[in-house]
Amino acid sequence: RLANDVELLLVTEEEEPSEGEMPAEKRTEDAEAGEQDREDPEDIVYTKKEMEARVIAKRIRELTDPDTGLLLYDTKNQTHRPAEYRDIVILLRSMTGWSEVFVNTLMQEGIPAYADTGTGYFQTLEITTILNVLRIIDNPRQDIPLAGVLYSPIVGLTSTQLALIRAADQNNSMYTAVCSYAREGGDEEIRLRLERFLDQLEDYRAMVAYTPIHELLQEILEQTGYYYYVMAMPGGERRKANIDMLISQAVRFEKGSYSGLFHFIRYIEKLHKYEVDFGEAATSGEQDNTVRIMSIHKSKGLEFPIVFVGGMSKQFNTQDIRSNIILHSELGVGPEYIDSE
């Protein structure tokens, strides 16, 4: 089909993910777990933004299908060619609170996407996971970071397996429950995974005393294979660059007056707390085959053959109209007045 259409995509709250539309990461995890102990697709709850992003992702897959997708005219070669990700842009009225959802959803659907927002570094999956690893190396008795690492590809437990570990020892910390299950748990697969994890954790904790943080990070990435895992994910080059940026931050931190893993973690947490965001590493160039996500104010989409306009359900801000006094830069002050006659 040749390009020359304007389409209206309707998003209904009743839409539920089919098996083929499940997030790519969950499909991968299901395959690795032998299709057991993973959440049922009907149990997945999506926000309105995620639902809209999923509808767009589904249409992008249809448009870029090499056999049945859209054909675009290539002026350079003077012939028609199948549409690619680089031909597509998603325009949003506001990037704040929207671009992150769209990028994450498209990535989960196996579609490389990039939004140049200058923020979102600490919310990326790879940085969250690595920071959680550092936190439990510093202090393993932190339930949330520990559960995050256990659920991540580094250990690879499912939510059901985590629940079994927690249910076996509900009166102590998660770390104590993990150690107990590694010794005498009923599921052999879980026990073996926990034993390997605890051995690695002890090795890393022993290394902290004499190993620079950037070298510790490199050792973790090499031993766990997580570096190569993120490179194989959608947007792998940018994820790799995000991790490289964290290693560079560790090198820069160690050149200052503070040192040690504890202080580095606190340094990163303060940056996050006070919203000093590095922004995701910019590796997406003009020639990269990736879907761009931009603000309508930054791009009108004229340079892209395929344009999606997202967030159209978002209403205009009418707060000023409802106020008793309206301020205008040219017309001045307009107070509310009721003409009783």
Protein backbone atom coordinates (compact mmCIF):
# COMPACT_ATOMS: atom_id res chain seq x y z
CA ARG A 1 0.00 0.00 0.00
CA LEU A 2 1.28 3.46 -0.94
CA ALA A 3 1.42 6.32 1.53
CA ASN A 4 -1.19 9.05 1.19
CA ASP A 5 -3.70 8.50 3.98
CA VAL A 6 -4.79 10.20 7.18
CA GLU A 7 -5.98 7.77 9.84
CA LEU A 8 -7.78 8.17 13.15
CA LEU A 9 -6.80 5.55 15.73
CA LEU A 10 -9.37 5.09 18.49
CA VAL A 11 -8.15 3.86 21.86
CA THR A 12 -10.73 2.02 23.98
CA GLU A 13 -10.23 1.09 27.61
CA GLU A 14 -11.64 -2.37 26.92
CA GLU A 15 -8.60 -3.35 24.84
CA GLU A 16 -6.61 -6.16 26.40
CA PRO A 17 -3.20 -7.45 25.34
CA SER A 18 -3.25 -10.58 23.25
CA GLU A 19 -0.38 -13.05 23.50
CA GLY A 20 1.22 -11.52 20.42
CA GLU A 21 0.91 -8.02 21.87
CA MET A 22 2.40 -8.72 25.27
CA PRO A 23 5.47 -6.62 26.12
CA ALA A 24 8.56 -8.09 24.50
CA GLU A 25 10.36 -8.35 27.84
CA LYS A 26 7.52 -10.43 29.30
CA ARG A 27 7.48 -12.66 26.22
CA THR A 28 11.22 -13.20 26.65
CA GLU A 29 10.83 -13.92 30.36
CA ASP A 30 8.03 -16.39 29.63
CA ALA A 31 10.22 -18.26 27.20
CA GLU A 32 13.09 -18.40 29.67
CA ALA A 33 10.80 -19.56 32.49
CA GLY A 34 9.25 -22.31 30.39
CA GLU A 35 5.93 -20.42 30.18
CA GLN A 36 5.36 -20.91 33.90
CA ASP A 37 4.85 -18.62 36.87
CA ARG A 38 4.47 -15.47 34.76
CA GLU A 39 1.59 -13.05 34.97
CA ASP A 40 -1.46 -13.80 32.83
CA PRO A 41 -1.90 -11.19 30.05
CA GLU A 42 -5.39 -10.42 31.35
CA ASP A 43 -3.91 -9.44 34.71
CA ILE A 44 -1.71 -6.72 33.18
CA VAL A 45 -3.16 -3.27 33.89
CA TYR A 46 -2.26 -0.48 31.48
CA THR A 47 -2.65 3.27 31.99
CA LYS A 48 -4.39 5.34 29.31
CA LYS A 49 -1.01 6.57 28.09
CA GLU A 50 0.33 3.01 27.84
CA MET A 51 -2.79 1.88 26.00
CA GLU A 52 -2.40 4.68 23.48
CA ALA A 53 1.29 3.86 23.03
CA ARG A 54 0.42 0.18 22.50
CA VAL A 55 -2.14 1.05 19.81
CA ILE A 56 0.48 3.16 18.03
CA ALA A 57 3.07 0.39 18.42
CA LYS A 58 0.67 -2.11 16.85
CA ARG A 59 0.11 0.23 13.88
CA ILE A 60 3.86 0.79 13.52
CA ARG A 61 4.43 -2.96 13.30
CA GLU A 62 1.79 -3.16 10.57
CA LEU A 63 3.25 -0.24 8.61
CA THR A 64 6.81 -1.58 8.78
CA ASP A 65 5.97 -5.17 7.89
CA PRO A 66 8.32 -5.99 4.97
CA ASP A 67 5.62 -8.00 3.16
CA THR A 68 2.34 -6.19 3.82
CA GLY A 69 3.48 -2.81 5.16
CA LEU A 70 3.50 0.68 3.69
CA LEU A 71 5.55 1.53 0.59
CA LEU A 72 7.35 4.87 0.51
CA TYR A 73 8.87 6.56 -2.51
CA ASP A 74 12.65 6.85 -2.23
CA THR A 75 13.63 10.02 -4.10
CA LYS A 76 17.31 9.08 -4.00
CA ASN A 77 16.86 5.72 -5.72
CA GLN A 78 13.64 6.77 -7.50
CA THR A 79 11.79 3.64 -6.44
CA HIS A 80 9.36 2.48 -3.78
CA ARG A 81 10.67 0.77 -0.64
CA PRO A 82 9.11 -0.65 2.57
CA ALA A 83 8.66 1.81 5.43
CA GLU A 84 11.24 1.65 8.23
CA TYR A 85 11.34 2.87 11.83
CA ARG A 86 13.46 5.88 10.82
CA ASP A 87 10.57 7.10 8.65
CA ILE A 88 8.29 7.48 11.68
CA VAL A 89 7.88 10.25 14.23
CA ILE A 90 5.44 10.49 17.13
CA LEU A 91 4.53 14.09 17.98
CA LEU A 92 3.32 14.95 21.49
CA ARG A 93 1.81 18.16 22.81
CA SER A 94 3.87 17.75 25.96
CA MET A 95 6.94 15.57 26.44
CA THR A 96 6.74 15.66 30.24
CA GLY A 97 5.07 12.53 31.58
CA TRP A 98 4.38 11.25 28.07
CA SER A 99 7.67 10.62 26.26
CA GLU A 100 8.97 8.20 28.92
CA VAL A 101 5.78 6.12 28.71
CA PHE A 102 5.88 6.00 24.91
CA VAL A 103 9.59 5.11 24.78
CA ASN A 104 9.23 2.34 27.36
CA THR A 105 6.10 0.90 25.75
CA LEU A 106 7.58 0.88 22.25
CA MET A 107 10.76 -0.71 23.59
CA GLN A 108 8.71 -3.41 25.31
CA GLU A 109 6.99 -4.07 21.99
CA GLY A 110 10.37 -4.55 20.31
CA ILE A 111 10.33 -1.20 18.51
CA PRO A 112 13.44 0.99 18.96
CA ALA A 113 12.40 4.48 20.04
CA TYR A 114 14.19 7.64 21.08
CA ALA A 115 13.05 10.86 22.75
CA ASP A 116 15.58 13.63 23.25
CA THR A 117 14.22 14.94 26.54
CA GLY A 118 17.43 15.44 28.51
CA THR A 119 15.87 13.53 31.42
CA GLY A 120 14.93 10.00 32.38
CA TYR A 121 18.41 8.60 32.97
CA PHE A 122 17.72 7.29 36.47
CA GLN A 123 14.40 5.76 35.38
CA THR A 124 15.91 3.56 32.66
CA LEU A 125 15.72 -0.17 33.30
CA GLU A 126 19.45 -0.79 33.01
CA ILE A 127 20.50 2.02 35.39
CA THR A 128 17.82 1.11 37.94
CA THR A 129 19.02 -2.50 37.92
CA ILE A 130 22.73 -1.67 38.24
CA LEU A 131 22.10 0.82 41.06
CA ASN A 132 20.05 -1.81 42.89
CA VAL A 133 23.00 -4.21 42.60
CA LEU A 134 25.30 -1.57 44.11
CA ARG A 135 22.82 -0.91 46.93
CA ILE A 136 22.65 -4.55 48.01
CA ILE A 137 26.42 -4.92 47.75
CA ASP A 138 26.66 -2.02 50.19
CA ASN A 139 23.82 -3.37 52.36
CA PRO A 140 21.95 -6.54 51.33
CA ARG A 141 19.24 -6.00 53.96
CA GLN A 142 17.27 -3.66 51.70
CA ASP A 143 14.14 -5.47 50.59
CA ILE A 144 13.13 -3.41 47.55
CA PRO A 145 16.55 -3.25 45.82
CA LEU A 146 17.10 -6.93 46.63
CA ALA A 147 13.74 -7.95 45.14
CA GLY A 148 14.52 -5.84 42.08
CA VAL A 149 17.82 -7.65 41.49
CA LEU A 150 16.27 -11.08 42.07
CA TYR A 151 13.53 -10.31 39.54
CA SER A 152 15.97 -8.84 37.01
CA PRO A 153 17.74 -10.95 34.34
CA ILE A 154 20.81 -11.02 36.61
CA VAL A 155 19.11 -13.66 38.78
CA GLY A 156 15.98 -14.32 36.73
CA LEU A 157 13.38 -15.24 39.34
CA THR A 158 9.69 -14.86 38.55
CA SER A 159 7.18 -12.98 40.71
CA THR A 160 5.70 -16.31 41.82
CA GLN A 161 9.12 -17.60 42.85
CA LEU A 162 9.75 -14.41 44.82
CA ALA A 163 6.42 -14.92 46.57
CA LEU A 164 7.43 -18.48 47.50
CA ILE A 165 10.66 -17.21 49.05
CA ARG A 166 8.82 -14.52 50.99
CA ALA A 167 6.07 -16.91 52.11
CA ALA A 168 8.64 -19.36 53.47
CA ASP A 169 9.91 -16.73 55.94
CA GLN A 170 7.56 -13.81 56.53
CA ASN A 171 8.97 -12.68 59.89
CA ASN A 172 12.47 -11.65 58.80
CA SER A 173 14.06 -9.45 56.17
CA MET A 174 14.00 -10.46 52.53
CA TYR A 175 17.74 -11.14 52.66
CA THR A 176 17.29 -13.55 55.59
CA ALA A 177 14.46 -15.27 53.71
CA VAL A 178 16.69 -15.61 50.64
CA CYS A 179 19.54 -17.12 52.68
CA SER A 180 17.14 -19.53 54.38
CA TYR A 181 15.61 -20.66 51.10
CA ALA A 182 19.06 -21.13 49.55
CA ARG A 183 19.85 -23.59 52.37
CA GLU A 184 16.60 -25.51 52.75
CA GLY A 185 14.05 -24.32 50.19
CA GLY A 186 11.74 -26.82 48.54
CA ASP A 187 12.27 -25.77 44.91
CA GLU A 188 15.65 -26.94 43.58
CA GLU A 189 15.72 -24.46 40.68
CA ILE A 190 15.18 -21.52 43.02
CA ARG A 191 17.78 -22.87 45.46
CA LEU A 192 20.45 -23.15 42.77
CA ARG A 193 19.78 -19.64 41.47
CA LEU A 194 19.94 -18.21 44.99
CA GLU A 195 23.14 -20.09 45.82
CA ARG A 196 24.88 -18.69 42.74
CA PHE A 197 23.58 -15.21 43.49
CA LEU A 198 24.68 -15.26 47.14
CA ASP A 199 28.16 -16.53 46.19
CA GLN A 200 28.52 -13.69 43.68
CA LEU A 201 27.21 -11.16 46.18
CA GLU A 202 29.77 -12.21 48.78
CA ASP A 203 32.56 -11.91 46.20
CA TYR A 204 31.45 -8.39 45.27
CA ARG A 205 31.17 -7.34 48.92
CA ALA A 206 34.71 -8.58 49.51
CA MET A 207 35.96 -6.62 46.48
CA VAL A 208 34.57 -3.29 47.71
CA ALA A 209 37.41 -2.76 50.20
CA TYR A 210 40.16 -2.72 47.56
CA THR A 211 38.45 -2.18 44.18
CA PRO A 212 37.63 1.21 42.61
CA ILE A 213 33.92 1.63 41.91
CA HIS A 214 34.28 1.80 38.14
CA GLU A 215 36.26 -1.46 38.15
CA LEU A 216 33.64 -3.06 40.41
CA LEU A 217 30.95 -2.03 37.94
CA GLN A 218 32.89 -3.51 35.04
CA GLU A 219 33.41 -6.75 36.97
CA ILE A 220 29.68 -7.01 37.76
CA LEU A 221 28.70 -6.39 34.15
CA GLU A 222 31.23 -8.94 32.88
CA GLN A 223 30.44 -11.72 35.36
CA THR A 224 26.66 -11.42 35.15
CA GLY A 225 26.58 -10.87 31.38
CA TYR A 226 24.17 -7.97 31.95
CA TYR A 227 26.19 -5.68 29.68
CA TYR A 228 25.59 -7.99 26.73
CA TYR A 229 21.98 -8.56 27.76
CA VAL A 230 21.07 -4.86 27.52
CA MET A 231 22.91 -4.57 24.21
CA ALA A 232 20.62 -7.27 22.80
CA MET A 233 17.49 -5.42 23.96
CA PRO A 234 15.63 -2.90 21.77
CA GLY A 235 17.63 0.34 21.87
CA GLY A 236 20.67 -1.64 22.98
CA GLU A 237 23.23 0.91 21.84
CA ARG A 238 21.66 3.64 23.95
CA ARG A 239 21.29 1.32 26.95
CA LYS A 240 24.96 0.40 26.62
CA ALA A 241 25.83 4.10 26.44
CA ASN A 242 23.79 4.75 29.61
CA ILE A 243 25.82 2.13 31.49
CA ASP A 244 29.06 3.57 30.09
CA MET A 245 27.94 6.97 31.36
CA LEU A 246 27.44 5.53 34.87
CA ILE A 247 30.96 4.08 34.79
CA SER A 248 32.29 7.49 33.70
CA GLN A 249 30.43 9.12 36.59
CA ALA A 250 32.09 6.64 38.96
CA VAL A 251 35.53 7.57 37.59
CA ARG A 252 34.74 11.29 37.97
CA PHE A 253 33.40 10.77 41.51
CA GLU A 254 36.54 8.94 42.63
CA LYS A 255 38.69 11.87 41.53
CA GLY A 256 36.97 14.05 44.13
CA SER A 257 37.38 14.23 47.88
CA TYR A 258 34.94 11.39 48.59
CA SER A 259 35.45 7.73 47.81
CA GLY A 260 33.89 4.35 48.51
CA LEU A 261 30.71 2.62 47.42
CA PHE A 262 28.54 4.02 50.22
CA HIS A 263 29.36 7.63 49.32
CA PHE A 264 28.95 6.97 45.59
CA ILE A 265 25.45 5.56 46.13
CA ARG A 266 24.52 8.57 48.28
CA TYR A 267 25.94 10.88 45.61
CA ILE A 268 23.77 9.28 42.91
CA GLU A 269 20.70 9.30 45.16
CA LYS A 270 21.15 13.03 45.85
CA LEU A 271 21.39 13.72 42.13
CA HIS A 272 18.14 11.83 41.68
CA LYS A 273 16.47 13.47 44.69
CA TYR A 274 17.27 17.01 43.57
CA GLU A 275 16.41 16.15 39.95
CA VAL A 276 19.93 16.63 38.63
CA ASP A 277 19.38 14.30 35.69
CA PHE A 278 22.14 13.40 33.24
CA GLY A 279 19.65 12.75 30.47
CA GLU A 280 19.87 9.52 28.52
CA ALA A 281 23.03 9.05 26.52
CA ALA A 282 22.51 10.50 23.05
CA THR A 283 23.50 7.78 20.62
CA SER A 284 20.63 8.15 18.17
CA GLY A 285 21.78 9.81 14.98
CA GLU A 286 19.83 10.82 11.91
CA GLN A 287 20.69 7.55 10.15
CA ASP A 288 19.71 5.24 13.02
CA ASN A 289 16.70 3.05 12.32
CA THR A 290 14.59 4.16 15.27
CA VAL A 291 11.24 5.82 15.88
CA ARG A 292 11.62 9.46 16.99
CA ILE A 293 9.41 10.98 19.68
CA MET A 294 9.29 14.78 19.59
CA SER A 295 7.31 17.72 20.84
CA ILE A 296 4.94 19.35 18.34
CA HIS A 297 6.67 22.64 19.18
CA LYS A 298 10.06 21.20 18.20
CA SER A 299 9.01 19.50 14.98
CA LYS A 300 5.96 19.74 12.74
CA GLY A 301 6.78 16.30 11.36
CA LEU A 302 7.28 17.54 7.80
CA GLU A 303 10.64 15.77 7.51
CA PHE A 304 9.05 12.38 8.25
CA PRO A 305 6.88 10.38 5.82
CA ILE A 306 4.84 8.84 8.65
CA VAL A 307 3.59 11.01 11.52
CA PHE A 308 1.62 9.97 14.60
CA VAL A 309 0.14 12.71 16.81
CA GLY A 310 -0.25 11.37 20.34
CA GLY A 311 -1.90 12.67 23.46
CA MET A 312 -4.88 14.12 21.59
CA SER A 313 -7.21 13.08 24.41
CA LYS A 314 -5.43 15.44 26.79
CA GLN A 315 -7.67 18.44 27.45
CA PHE A 316 -6.51 22.04 27.38
CA ASN A 317 -5.72 23.67 30.71
CA THR A 318 -8.78 25.76 31.53
CA GLN A 319 -7.70 26.68 35.06
CA ASP A 320 -7.11 30.32 34.13
CA ILE A 321 -10.57 30.60 32.55
CA ARG A 322 -12.22 29.39 35.78
CA SER A 323 -10.35 31.89 37.94
CA ASN A 324 -12.04 34.99 39.36
CA ILE A 325 -9.39 37.16 37.70
CA ILE A 326 -7.78 36.57 34.31
CA LEU A 327 -4.40 38.13 33.52
CA HIS A 328 -3.42 38.88 29.92
CA SER A 329 -0.10 40.27 28.70
CA GLU A 330 -1.81 42.74 26.33
CA LEU A 331 -5.40 43.14 27.55
CA GLY A 332 -4.50 43.47 31.22
CA VAL A 333 -6.68 42.38 34.17
CA GLY A 334 -10.14 40.90 33.63
CA PRO A 335 -12.17 40.38 36.84
CA GLU A 336 -15.23 38.16 36.96
CA TYR A 337 -18.44 40.15 36.62
CA ILE A 338 -22.08 39.03 36.64
CA ASP A 339 -24.59 41.27 34.93
CA SER A 340 -27.76 40.72 36.97
CA GLU A 341 -29.88 42.58 34.42
